[in-house]
Amino acid sequence: MNIGFIGLGNMGLPMALNLRKAGHTVYGKNRSPGKERQFAEQGGKTGLAVSRLAAEMDVVITCLPMPSDVEDVYFAPDGLLASAREGLLLIDCSTVSPELSRRCFAEAERRGADFLDAPVSGGTTGAAAASLSVMVGGKRQAFERAKPVFEAFGKQIYYVGEAGSGSAVKLINQLMVGIHSQAVGEAFALGRRLGVDPDLLYAILTQSFAQSRMLERHYSQFISKNRYEPGFALKLLGKDLNLAAETAAAFGVGLPAGGRVQAILNRAAASGYGDLDMAGLYAYQLAMDEKRREAGPLKHFAVFLPMLDAEKSALYREEHLRFLDERRADGMLFANGRFADGAGGLVIYRGRSYEEVEQWVKRDPYVVKGARRYEIHEWEIVPADN
């Protein structure tokens, strides 16, 4: 087959090379020319624009880091869908929402092309070894047509169902990857603090019910070596859990554990850990534990924001919410809301002192612009389930 491959990153490059090794003619396309040169040096072809790939290839595969990248490549005026020839098979191996996959499918079908959402799992090691798991959504006929493509880089190939199903399974996978990754970080941080030999701890856990592929991967490849060059970046796992949380919320499913890990990943990325491998959650855990020990325990503070000026409150509401999002990313925001009768709002912060919290409150656009006044009260929270 003549195959276009868009996205020659840590996953995409070895996948494209394995397609070439399987006998396909592969044209690579990447945002950075260095990756294209690397692909060409190993026998791949380059030089075709996205529109030409869509017009001339049998198959075009995308493997891109962010949903916005997928949106651009598929829906741009000179993108894949606008340029797709009739009969083209489009395969997206990115991790995106099921809703975006269904949109791509519907537009491809309208233009006489086929689309499969086919995210992969197995990391850079699996991509290099052509042993990825592939979960595929779309028409069964298109899946059968695509099998020789999937067999070039995957070993476990699953047809999941209608369009969006592959993306749904991938988000569920990433939800569990995130929870397991945080569990590994917490376990080895606790073991370190208690003076347990980490190699011995690893040996015991891998033979116990705590065993998981994330435990094996994170410890053997990263934690034991104290090196965190990314196979899969922590910020990308955070992106995936954001997508999982949005999807779960749309379908009325609560993610109490996943939501907590989502917040931790976003804070870790905002704190400068985003470019580490996802196993770097352990390094982040150690740093935060040390910071907590030095600074003392967190307390909760309820901040009442009584209304002063309704017009100013409406005018500066978006700035206020962005400010709260920053505090949320820092891990300092517990909850926020407003009174239904318009009397004002309530923000509950996590902080170590009244003075620390007041510094944040004085930076809130509502307070700076004179829309609200404030009252701060230390708050003892008693969970209902205790």
Protein backbone atom coordinates (compact mmCIF):
# COMPACT_ATOMS: atom_id res chain seq x y z
CA MET A 1 0.00 0.00 0.00
CA ASN A 2 0.94 3.66 -0.39
CA ILE A 3 0.63 5.11 3.10
CA GLY A 4 0.95 8.65 4.40
CA PHE A 5 1.97 8.95 8.05
CA ILE A 6 1.47 12.29 9.81
CA GLY A 7 3.17 12.70 13.17
CA LEU A 8 6.68 11.26 13.43
CA GLY A 9 7.07 11.66 17.18
CA ASN A 10 8.23 9.21 19.82
CA MET A 11 5.43 6.82 18.86
CA GLY A 12 4.84 7.74 15.24
CA LEU A 13 8.38 7.39 13.92
CA PRO A 14 8.90 3.75 14.92
CA MET A 15 5.36 2.92 13.76
CA ALA A 16 6.05 4.46 10.35
CA LEU A 17 9.38 2.62 10.09
CA ASN A 18 7.68 -0.69 10.89
CA LEU A 19 5.15 -0.03 8.12
CA ARG A 20 8.05 0.48 5.71
CA LYS A 21 9.74 -2.72 6.94
CA ALA A 22 6.49 -4.58 6.24
CA GLY A 23 6.80 -3.63 2.57
CA HIS A 24 4.55 -0.59 2.35
CA THR A 25 5.59 2.64 0.64
CA VAL A 26 5.40 5.24 3.41
CA TYR A 27 5.49 9.03 3.09
CA GLY A 28 6.19 10.71 6.42
CA LYS A 29 5.01 14.16 7.44
CA ASN A 30 5.96 16.02 10.61
CA ARG A 31 5.78 19.55 11.97
CA SER A 32 9.52 19.59 12.67
CA PRO A 33 11.72 18.83 9.62
CA GLY A 34 14.32 17.05 11.76
CA LYS A 35 12.01 14.08 12.27
CA GLU A 36 11.31 13.94 8.53
CA ARG A 37 15.05 13.85 7.81
CA GLN A 38 15.46 11.06 10.36
CA PHE A 39 12.67 9.10 8.66
CA ALA A 40 14.20 9.67 5.21
CA GLU A 41 17.63 8.53 6.42
CA GLN A 42 16.04 5.20 7.38
CA GLY A 43 14.40 4.63 4.01
CA GLY A 44 11.13 6.56 4.29
CA LYS A 45 9.81 9.05 1.76
CA THR A 46 8.95 12.66 2.54
CA GLY A 47 8.03 15.88 0.76
CA LEU A 48 4.26 15.64 0.24
CA ALA A 49 1.84 18.17 1.72
CA VAL A 50 -1.14 16.98 3.76
CA SER A 51 -3.49 17.73 0.85
CA ARG A 52 -1.42 15.59 -1.53
CA LEU A 53 -1.29 12.72 0.94
CA ALA A 54 -5.10 12.82 1.13
CA ALA A 55 -5.42 12.95 -2.65
CA GLU A 56 -2.82 10.33 -3.60
CA MET A 57 -2.38 7.73 -0.84
CA ASP A 58 -4.35 4.53 -0.21
CA VAL A 59 -4.18 5.13 3.53
CA VAL A 60 -3.28 8.13 5.69
CA ILE A 61 -2.43 7.56 9.37
CA THR A 62 -2.24 10.31 11.97
CA CYS A 63 -0.47 9.98 15.32
CA LEU A 64 -0.54 13.39 16.98
CA PRO A 65 -0.08 14.57 20.57
CA MET A 66 -3.06 16.88 21.11
CA PRO A 67 -6.73 16.90 20.06
CA SER A 68 -6.18 20.40 18.62
CA ASP A 69 -3.51 18.93 16.32
CA VAL A 70 -5.97 16.30 15.09
CA GLU A 71 -8.63 18.96 14.59
CA ASP A 72 -6.24 21.08 12.51
CA VAL A 73 -4.94 18.24 10.33
CA TYR A 74 -8.40 16.85 9.58
CA PHE A 75 -10.59 19.95 9.37
CA ALA A 76 -8.29 22.68 8.00
CA PRO A 77 -9.26 24.07 4.56
CA ASP A 78 -6.29 22.20 3.04
CA GLY A 79 -6.54 19.32 5.53
CA LEU A 80 -7.20 15.62 5.14
CA LEU A 81 -10.99 15.76 4.96
CA ALA A 82 -11.20 18.65 2.52
CA SER A 83 -8.66 16.96 0.23
CA ALA A 84 -9.70 13.32 0.69
CA ARG A 85 -10.17 11.32 -2.49
CA GLU A 86 -13.06 8.91 -2.69
CA GLY A 87 -12.09 5.56 -1.19
CA LEU A 88 -9.29 6.94 1.00
CA LEU A 89 -8.84 5.15 4.33
CA LEU A 90 -8.06 7.52 7.21
CA ILE A 91 -6.75 6.09 10.49
CA ASP A 92 -6.22 8.19 13.60
CA CYS A 93 -3.92 6.62 16.20
CA SER A 94 -4.00 9.70 18.46
CA THR A 95 -5.68 9.80 21.86
CA VAL A 96 -8.70 12.08 21.51
CA SER A 97 -12.32 12.20 22.67
CA PRO A 98 -14.87 9.79 21.20
CA GLU A 99 -16.84 12.84 20.09
CA LEU A 100 -13.96 14.13 17.93
CA SER A 101 -13.50 10.66 16.42
CA ARG A 102 -17.20 10.53 15.53
CA ARG A 103 -16.97 13.96 13.88
CA CYS A 104 -14.03 12.80 11.75
CA PHE A 105 -15.92 9.64 10.83
CA ALA A 106 -19.08 11.51 9.79
CA GLU A 107 -17.22 14.02 7.62
CA ALA A 108 -15.08 11.31 6.02
CA GLU A 109 -18.22 9.33 5.20
CA ARG A 110 -19.82 12.42 3.66
CA ARG A 111 -16.82 12.74 1.34
CA GLY A 112 -16.76 9.06 0.35
CA ALA A 113 -13.79 8.12 2.53
CA ASP A 114 -13.47 5.72 5.47
CA PHE A 115 -12.26 6.69 8.94
CA LEU A 116 -11.11 4.51 11.83
CA ASP A 117 -10.22 5.70 15.32
CA ALA A 118 -7.38 3.37 16.26
CA PRO A 119 -5.45 4.60 19.31
CA VAL A 120 -2.56 2.43 20.45
CA SER A 121 -1.08 1.35 23.77
CA GLY A 122 2.31 -0.08 24.60
CA GLY A 123 4.57 2.95 24.67
CA THR A 124 7.70 3.63 22.70
CA THR A 125 9.03 0.15 23.49
CA GLY A 126 5.96 -1.44 21.93
CA ALA A 127 6.09 0.93 18.97
CA ALA A 128 9.71 -0.03 18.25
CA ALA A 129 9.01 -3.75 18.69
CA ALA A 130 5.83 -3.66 16.58
CA SER A 131 3.94 -5.12 19.54
CA LEU A 132 1.39 -2.38 20.25
CA SER A 133 -2.19 -2.98 21.29
CA VAL A 134 -4.57 -1.36 18.82
CA MET A 135 -8.22 -0.63 19.67
CA VAL A 136 -10.30 0.23 16.62
CA GLY A 137 -13.65 1.92 16.12
CA GLY A 138 -15.48 2.41 12.81
CA LYS A 139 -16.99 0.27 10.08
CA ARG A 140 -16.11 -3.42 10.25
CA GLN A 141 -15.39 -3.46 6.50
CA ALA A 142 -12.87 -0.64 6.89
CA PHE A 143 -11.27 -2.48 9.83
CA GLU A 144 -10.78 -5.62 7.72
CA ARG A 145 -9.24 -3.51 4.97
CA ALA A 146 -6.87 -1.91 7.49
CA LYS A 147 -5.66 -5.16 9.10
CA PRO A 148 -2.39 -5.39 7.10
CA VAL A 149 -1.60 -1.86 8.31
CA PHE A 150 -2.28 -2.65 11.95
CA GLU A 151 -0.33 -5.92 11.78
CA ALA A 152 2.79 -3.97 10.79
CA PHE A 153 2.99 -2.24 14.20
CA GLY A 154 0.60 -4.13 16.49
CA LYS A 155 0.22 -7.59 18.00
CA GLN A 156 -3.03 -7.25 19.93
CA ILE A 157 -5.54 -5.81 17.45
CA TYR A 158 -9.14 -5.38 18.58
CA TYR A 159 -12.23 -4.29 16.67
CA VAL A 160 -14.25 -2.53 19.36
CA GLY A 161 -17.34 -1.29 17.51
CA GLU A 162 -18.76 1.84 15.92
CA ALA A 163 -16.86 5.09 15.41
CA GLY A 164 -15.54 6.51 18.69
CA SER A 165 -15.35 3.12 20.39
CA GLY A 166 -11.59 2.83 20.00
CA SER A 167 -11.08 6.27 21.51
CA ALA A 168 -13.43 5.36 24.37
CA VAL A 169 -11.43 2.24 25.25
CA LYS A 170 -8.15 4.19 25.04
CA LEU A 171 -9.40 6.79 27.52
CA ILE A 172 -10.46 4.03 29.90
CA ASN A 173 -6.98 2.54 29.53
CA GLN A 174 -5.37 5.91 30.24
CA LEU A 175 -7.59 6.43 33.27
CA MET A 176 -6.21 3.22 34.76
CA VAL A 177 -2.64 4.06 33.67
CA GLY A 178 -2.90 7.35 35.55
CA ILE A 179 -4.27 5.77 38.72
CA HIS A 180 -1.66 2.99 38.65
CA SER A 181 1.14 5.51 38.01
CA GLN A 182 0.14 7.58 41.02
CA ALA A 183 -0.10 4.40 43.12
CA VAL A 184 3.46 3.47 42.14
CA GLY A 185 4.72 6.95 43.05
CA GLU A 186 3.01 6.92 46.43
CA ALA A 187 4.12 3.36 47.23
CA PHE A 188 7.81 3.97 46.58
CA ALA A 189 7.74 7.36 48.29
CA LEU A 190 6.28 5.71 51.39
CA GLY A 191 8.77 2.84 51.16
CA ARG A 192 11.64 5.31 50.92
CA ARG A 193 10.43 7.23 53.97
CA LEU A 194 10.07 3.99 55.95
CA GLY A 195 13.57 2.84 55.02
CA VAL A 196 12.53 -0.14 52.86
CA ASP A 197 15.05 -1.24 50.23
CA PRO A 198 13.40 -0.24 46.91
CA ASP A 199 14.72 -3.20 44.91
CA LEU A 200 13.40 -5.59 47.54
CA LEU A 201 10.09 -3.75 47.65
CA TYR A 202 9.82 -4.02 43.87
CA ALA A 203 10.61 -7.75 43.95
CA ILE A 204 7.92 -8.37 46.55
CA LEU A 205 5.24 -6.20 44.94
CA THR A 206 5.69 -7.78 41.51
CA GLN A 207 4.90 -11.17 43.08
CA SER A 208 1.89 -9.85 45.01
CA PHE A 209 -1.58 -8.54 44.21
CA ALA A 210 -0.03 -5.08 43.78
CA GLN A 211 1.70 -6.22 40.58
CA SER A 212 0.92 -4.21 37.44
CA ARG A 213 2.58 -3.36 34.14
CA MET A 214 2.90 0.24 35.32
CA LEU A 215 4.79 -0.96 38.40
CA GLU A 216 7.18 -2.99 36.24
CA ARG A 217 7.67 -0.22 33.68
CA HIS A 218 8.02 2.71 36.03
CA TYR A 219 10.38 1.09 38.49
CA SER A 220 12.64 -0.91 36.18
CA GLN A 221 12.98 1.73 33.45
CA PHE A 222 12.81 4.99 35.39
CA ILE A 223 12.62 5.06 39.20
CA SER A 224 15.45 2.58 39.80
CA LYS A 225 17.68 4.61 37.45
CA ASN A 226 16.51 8.01 38.71
CA ARG A 227 16.14 9.06 35.06
CA TYR A 228 12.90 10.37 33.60
CA GLU A 229 13.51 11.12 29.92
CA PRO A 230 10.04 10.59 28.50
CA GLY A 231 8.82 7.57 26.72
CA PHE A 232 5.38 9.06 27.40
CA ALA A 233 5.37 12.54 28.89
CA LEU A 234 3.55 13.27 32.13
CA LYS A 235 1.77 16.26 30.54
CA LEU A 236 0.32 14.00 27.84
CA LEU A 237 -1.04 11.61 30.46
CA GLY A 238 -2.59 14.67 32.13
CA LYS A 239 -4.19 15.61 28.81
CA ASP A 240 -5.60 12.10 28.48
CA LEU A 241 -7.11 12.16 31.97
CA ASN A 242 -8.64 15.55 31.23
CA LEU A 243 -10.32 13.96 28.20
CA ALA A 244 -11.43 10.97 30.26
CA ALA A 245 -12.92 13.26 32.91
CA GLU A 246 -14.77 15.35 30.32
CA THR A 247 -16.16 12.21 28.68
CA ALA A 248 -17.20 10.69 32.00
CA ALA A 249 -18.93 13.92 33.05
CA ALA A 250 -20.85 14.04 29.76
CA PHE A 251 -22.21 10.56 30.47
CA GLY A 252 -22.90 11.10 34.18
CA VAL A 253 -20.12 8.85 35.49
CA GLY A 254 -18.15 9.95 38.56
CA LEU A 255 -14.39 9.43 38.69
CA PRO A 256 -13.47 9.91 42.37
CA ALA A 257 -10.03 8.29 42.06
CA GLY A 258 -9.44 9.41 38.48
CA GLY A 259 -10.43 12.97 39.25
CA ARG A 260 -7.91 13.13 42.07
CA VAL A 261 -5.12 11.81 39.85
CA GLN A 262 -6.18 14.20 37.10
CA ALA A 263 -5.69 17.12 39.48
CA ILE A 264 -2.29 15.79 40.61
CA LEU A 265 -1.11 15.40 37.00
CA ASN A 266 -2.20 18.92 36.12
CA ARG A 267 -0.45 20.33 39.18
CA ALA A 268 2.70 18.35 38.41
CA ALA A 269 2.74 19.65 34.84
CA ALA A 270 2.16 23.22 36.04
CA SER A 271 5.03 22.78 38.54
CA GLY A 272 7.59 21.95 35.84
CA TYR A 273 7.32 18.15 35.73
CA GLY A 274 5.29 17.92 32.53
CA ASP A 275 8.17 17.02 30.23
CA LEU A 276 9.29 14.11 32.43
CA ASP A 277 8.06 10.61 31.75
CA MET A 278 4.80 9.77 33.50
CA ALA A 279 6.90 7.72 35.96
CA GLY A 280 8.10 11.14 37.13
CA LEU A 281 4.99 11.26 39.33
CA TYR A 282 7.30 9.59 41.85
CA ALA A 283 9.76 12.50 41.65
CA TYR A 284 6.88 14.95 42.01
CA GLN A 285 5.58 13.02 45.03
CA LEU A 286 9.00 13.22 46.73
CA ALA A 287 9.26 16.96 46.09
CA MET A 288 5.75 17.68 47.38
CA ASP A 289 6.29 15.51 50.48
CA GLU A 290 9.46 17.43 51.30
CA LYS A 291 7.69 20.73 50.78
CA ARG A 292 4.85 19.65 53.07
CA ARG A 293 7.26 18.56 55.80
CA GLU A 294 9.07 21.89 55.65
CA ALA A 295 5.98 24.10 55.50
CA GLY A 296 3.65 22.26 57.85
CA PRO A 297 0.17 20.84 57.31
CA LEU A 298 -2.42 22.35 54.99
CA LYS A 299 -5.56 23.85 56.47
CA HIS A 300 -8.83 24.88 54.83
CA PHE A 301 -9.98 28.48 54.65
CA ALA A 302 -13.45 29.58 53.59
CA VAL A 303 -13.41 32.92 51.76
CA PHE A 304 -16.76 34.68 51.49
CA LEU A 305 -16.98 37.17 48.64
CA PRO A 306 -20.06 39.33 49.34
CA MET A 307 -21.36 41.38 46.39
CA LEU A 308 -20.30 45.03 46.16
CA ASP A 309 -20.96 45.84 42.51
CA ALA A 310 -23.02 43.51 40.31
CA GLU A 311 -21.92 45.15 37.05
CA LYS A 312 -18.25 44.81 37.92
CA SER A 313 -18.83 41.21 39.02
CA ALA A 314 -20.29 40.37 35.62
CA LEU A 315 -17.51 42.26 33.85
CA TYR A 316 -14.65 40.55 35.70
CA ARG A 317 -16.19 37.09 36.17
CA GLU A 318 -14.01 35.41 33.49
CA GLU A 319 -10.83 36.92 34.98
CA HIS A 320 -11.91 35.70 38.41
CA LEU A 321 -12.50 32.16 37.10
CA ARG A 322 -9.13 32.09 35.32
CA PHE A 323 -7.50 33.19 38.57
CA LEU A 324 -9.23 30.31 40.40
CA ASP A 325 -8.11 27.88 37.69
CA GLU A 326 -4.51 28.89 38.41
CA ARG A 327 -5.01 28.21 42.11
CA ARG A 328 -6.63 24.88 41.23
CA ALA A 329 -3.59 23.95 39.13
CA ASP A 330 -1.40 24.84 42.13
CA GLY A 331 -3.44 22.46 44.29
CA MET A 332 -4.60 25.31 46.52
CA LEU A 333 -8.29 25.43 45.54
CA PHE A 334 -10.63 23.01 47.30
CA ALA A 335 -13.97 24.29 45.96
CA ASN A 336 -15.72 27.38 44.66
CA GLY A 337 -19.27 28.49 43.89
CA ARG A 338 -21.73 31.35 44.01
CA PHE A 339 -24.97 31.97 45.86
CA ALA A 340 -28.07 31.47 43.73
CA ASP A 341 -29.63 34.68 45.12
CA GLY A 342 -26.76 36.80 43.78
CA ALA A 343 -25.46 37.78 47.22
CA GLY A 344 -21.90 36.74 46.39
CA GLY A 345 -19.74 33.65 46.30
CA LEU A 346 -17.63 31.25 48.33
CA VAL A 347 -14.11 29.96 47.67
CA ILE A 348 -12.48 27.32 49.85
CA TYR A 349 -8.69 27.38 49.71
CA ARG A 350 -6.07 25.02 51.02
CA GLY A 351 -3.30 26.94 52.73
CA ARG A 352 -0.91 26.90 55.64
CA SER A 353 -1.85 30.23 57.22
CA TYR A 354 -4.43 33.01 57.12
CA GLU A 355 -1.74 35.34 55.78
CA GLU A 356 -0.89 33.04 52.86
CA VAL A 357 -4.53 32.77 51.82
CA GLU A 358 -5.12 36.50 52.17
CA GLN A 359 -2.25 37.13 49.74
CA TRP A 360 -4.11 35.07 47.13
CA VAL A 361 -7.46 36.71 47.86
CA LYS A 362 -5.98 40.17 47.43
CA ARG A 363 -4.90 39.15 43.91
CA ASP A 364 -8.39 37.95 42.93
CA PRO A 365 -9.71 40.26 40.15
CA TYR A 366 -13.03 40.54 41.99
CA VAL A 367 -11.23 42.10 44.95
CA VAL A 368 -8.69 44.10 42.93
CA LYS A 369 -11.43 45.66 40.77
CA GLY A 370 -13.80 46.42 43.65
CA ALA A 371 -16.51 43.96 42.61
CA ARG A 372 -16.49 42.07 45.92
CA ARG A 373 -15.23 42.43 49.45
CA TYR A 374 -13.92 39.42 51.34
CA GLU A 375 -14.06 37.61 54.67
CA ILE A 376 -11.65 34.77 55.50
CA HIS A 377 -12.40 32.07 58.07
CA GLU A 378 -10.36 29.00 58.90
CA TRP A 379 -12.67 26.06 58.36
CA GLU A 380 -12.61 22.64 59.97
CA ILE A 381 -14.04 20.19 57.43
CA VAL A 382 -15.67 17.02 58.76
CA PRO A 383 -16.30 14.55 55.88
CA ALA A 384 -19.80 13.05 55.93
CA ASP A 385 -18.57 9.51 55.31
CA ASN A 386 -16.43 9.52 58.46
